């Protein structure tokens, strides 16, 4: 299942990804924002565990008290929180 989240108050527009049974990310895409940053982060997150990604990216500040990285962590956290409702 592909997860799609809008990024709030940052340069990027959308974060799209899949999560496998081990909670590793794959098919990671960032839409909008700096093309180099979007491609680099997508490659770095590929096959990374969701919890590791949240710990690495959460809390990073840029503009407006958040950042693209922090918003990605927020999206991942929402994804796993929503998953728990169905377990």
C-alpha atoms as a PDB file:
ATOM      1  CA  UNK A   1       0.000   0.000   0.000  1.00  0.00           C
ATOM      2  CA  UNK A   2       1.324   3.413  -0.948  1.00  0.00           C
ATOM      3  CA  UNK A   3       1.130   6.078   1.743  1.00  0.00           C
ATOM      4  CA  UNK A   4       0.837   9.716   0.630  1.00  0.00           C
ATOM      5  CA  UNK A   5       1.107  12.678   2.955  1.00  0.00           C
ATOM      6  CA  UNK A   6       1.101  16.417   2.363  1.00  0.00           C
ATOM      7  CA  UNK A   7       4.006  18.281   3.901  1.00  0.00           C
ATOM      8  CA  UNK A   8       2.994  21.373   5.904  1.00  0.00           C
ATOM      9  CA  UNK A   9       4.773  24.752   5.915  1.00  0.00           C
ATOM     10  CA  UNK A  10       7.866  23.559   4.029  1.00  0.00           C
ATOM     11  CA  UNK A  11       9.274  23.658   0.494  1.00  0.00           C
ATOM     12  CA  UNK A  12       8.308  20.067  -0.284  1.00  0.00           C
ATOM     13  CA  UNK A  13       4.722  19.339  -1.242  1.00  0.00           C
ATOM     14  CA  UNK A  14       4.189  15.590  -0.825  1.00  0.00           C
ATOM     15  CA  UNK A  15       5.893  12.551   0.681  1.00  0.00           C
ATOM     16  CA  UNK A  16       5.031   9.148  -0.769  1.00  0.00           C
ATOM     17  CA  UNK A  17       6.298   5.735   0.400  1.00  0.00           C
ATOM     18  CA  UNK A  18       5.573   2.086   1.086  1.00  0.00           C
ATOM     19  CA  UNK A  19       6.389   0.125   4.245  1.00  0.00           C
ATOM     20  CA  UNK A  20       7.208  -3.590   4.206  1.00  0.00           C
ATOM     21  CA  UNK A  21       6.405  -6.190   6.873  1.00  0.00           C
ATOM     22  CA  UNK A  22       9.616  -5.317   8.754  1.00  0.00           C
ATOM     23  CA  UNK A  23       8.646  -1.625   8.762  1.00  0.00           C
ATOM     24  CA  UNK A  24      11.346  -0.714   6.250  1.00  0.00           C
ATOM     25  CA  UNK A  25      10.663   2.022   3.726  1.00  0.00           C
ATOM     26  CA  UNK A  26      10.668   1.492  -0.022  1.00  0.00           C
ATOM     27  CA  UNK A  27       9.481   3.341  -3.155  1.00  0.00           C
ATOM     28  CA  UNK A  28      10.224   6.614  -1.346  1.00  0.00           C
ATOM     29  CA  UNK A  29       9.405   9.800  -3.281  1.00  0.00           C
ATOM     30  CA  UNK A  30       9.415  13.457  -2.321  1.00  0.00           C
ATOM     31  CA  UNK A  31       7.520  15.854  -4.565  1.00  0.00           C
ATOM     32  CA  UNK A  32       8.383  19.531  -4.686  1.00  0.00           C
ATOM     33  CA  UNK A  33      11.085  21.430  -2.916  1.00  0.00           C
ATOM     34  CA  UNK A  34      14.733  21.281  -3.928  1.00  0.00           C
ATOM     35  CA  UNK A  35      15.177  18.481  -6.497  1.00  0.00           C
ATOM     36  CA  UNK A  36      18.631  17.531  -5.178  1.00  0.00           C
ATOM     37  CA  UNK A  37      17.417  17.335  -1.583  1.00  0.00           C
ATOM     38  CA  UNK A  38      14.337  15.354  -2.591  1.00  0.00           C
ATOM     39  CA  UNK A  39      16.361  12.795  -4.529  1.00  0.00           C
ATOM     40  CA  UNK A  40      19.039  12.491  -1.836  1.00  0.00           C
ATOM     41  CA  UNK A  41      16.591  11.999   1.029  1.00  0.00           C
ATOM     42  CA  UNK A  42      14.545   9.484  -0.972  1.00  0.00           C
ATOM     43  CA  UNK A  43      17.682   7.417  -1.646  1.00  0.00           C
ATOM     44  CA  UNK A  44      18.853   7.636   1.961  1.00  0.00           C
ATOM     45  CA  UNK A  45      15.469   6.538   3.323  1.00  0.00           C
ATOM     46  CA  UNK A  46      15.141   3.583   0.937  1.00  0.00           C
ATOM     47  CA  UNK A  47      15.231   0.322   2.977  1.00  0.00           C
ATOM     48  CA  UNK A  48      15.578   2.273   6.266  1.00  0.00           C
ATOM     49  CA  UNK A  49      13.420   1.226   9.211  1.00  0.00           C
ATOM     50  CA  UNK A  50      10.579   3.671   9.903  1.00  0.00           C
ATOM     51  CA  UNK A  51      11.580   4.108  13.567  1.00  0.00           C
ATOM     52  CA  UNK A  52      15.204   4.883  12.662  1.00  0.00           C
ATOM     53  CA  UNK A  53      14.050   7.440  10.077  1.00  0.00           C
ATOM     54  CA  UNK A  54      11.771   9.131  12.631  1.00  0.00           C
ATOM     55  CA  UNK A  55      14.607   9.326  15.180  1.00  0.00           C
ATOM     56  CA  UNK A  56      17.078  10.750  12.639  1.00  0.00           C
ATOM     57  CA  UNK A  57      14.756  13.306  11.013  1.00  0.00           C
ATOM     58  CA  UNK A  58      12.431  14.371  13.819  1.00  0.00           C
ATOM     59  CA  UNK A  59      13.113  17.719  15.456  1.00  0.00           C
ATOM     60  CA  UNK A  60      15.259  19.224  12.689  1.00  0.00           C
ATOM     61  CA  UNK A  61      14.351  22.907  12.285  1.00  0.00           C
ATOM     62  CA  UNK A  62      14.629  25.116   9.208  1.00  0.00           C
ATOM     63  CA  UNK A  63      11.941  27.707   8.533  1.00  0.00           C
ATOM     64  CA  UNK A  64       8.766  28.312  10.478  1.00  0.00           C
ATOM     65  CA  UNK A  65       9.826  26.043  13.342  1.00  0.00           C
ATOM     66  CA  UNK A  66       9.885  22.884  11.195  1.00  0.00           C
ATOM     67  CA  UNK A  67      11.726  21.477   8.166  1.00  0.00           C
ATOM     68  CA  UNK A  68      11.161  19.050   5.306  1.00  0.00           C
ATOM     69  CA  UNK A  69      13.002  16.414   7.377  1.00  0.00           C
ATOM     70  CA  UNK A  70      10.833  17.065  10.437  1.00  0.00           C
ATOM     71  CA  UNK A  71       7.673  16.914   8.324  1.00  0.00           C
ATOM     72  CA  UNK A  72       8.782  13.557   6.870  1.00  0.00           C
ATOM     73  CA  UNK A  73       9.236  12.260  10.438  1.00  0.00           C
ATOM     74  CA  UNK A  74       5.746  13.547  11.304  1.00  0.00           C
ATOM     75  CA  UNK A  75       4.271  11.714   8.295  1.00  0.00           C
ATOM     76  CA  UNK A  76       6.044   8.476   9.216  1.00  0.00           C
ATOM     77  CA  UNK A  77       4.880   8.779  12.804  1.00  0.00           C
ATOM     78  CA  UNK A  78       1.283   9.305  11.617  1.00  0.00           C
ATOM     79  CA  UNK A  79       1.585   6.239   9.397  1.00  0.00           C
ATOM     80  CA  UNK A  80       2.701   3.898  12.180  1.00  0.00           C
ATOM     81  CA  UNK A  81       0.214   5.434  14.629  1.00  0.00           C
ATOM     82  CA  UNK A  82      -2.628   4.757  12.189  1.00  0.00           C
ATOM     83  CA  UNK A  83      -1.357   1.202  11.661  1.00  0.00           C
ATOM     84  CA  UNK A  84      -1.664   0.458  15.375  1.00  0.00           C
ATOM     85  CA  UNK A  85      -5.391   1.196  15.216  1.00  0.00           C
ATOM     86  CA  UNK A  86      -5.881  -1.801  12.914  1.00  0.00           C
ATOM     87  CA  UNK A  87      -3.697  -4.352  14.752  1.00  0.00           C
END
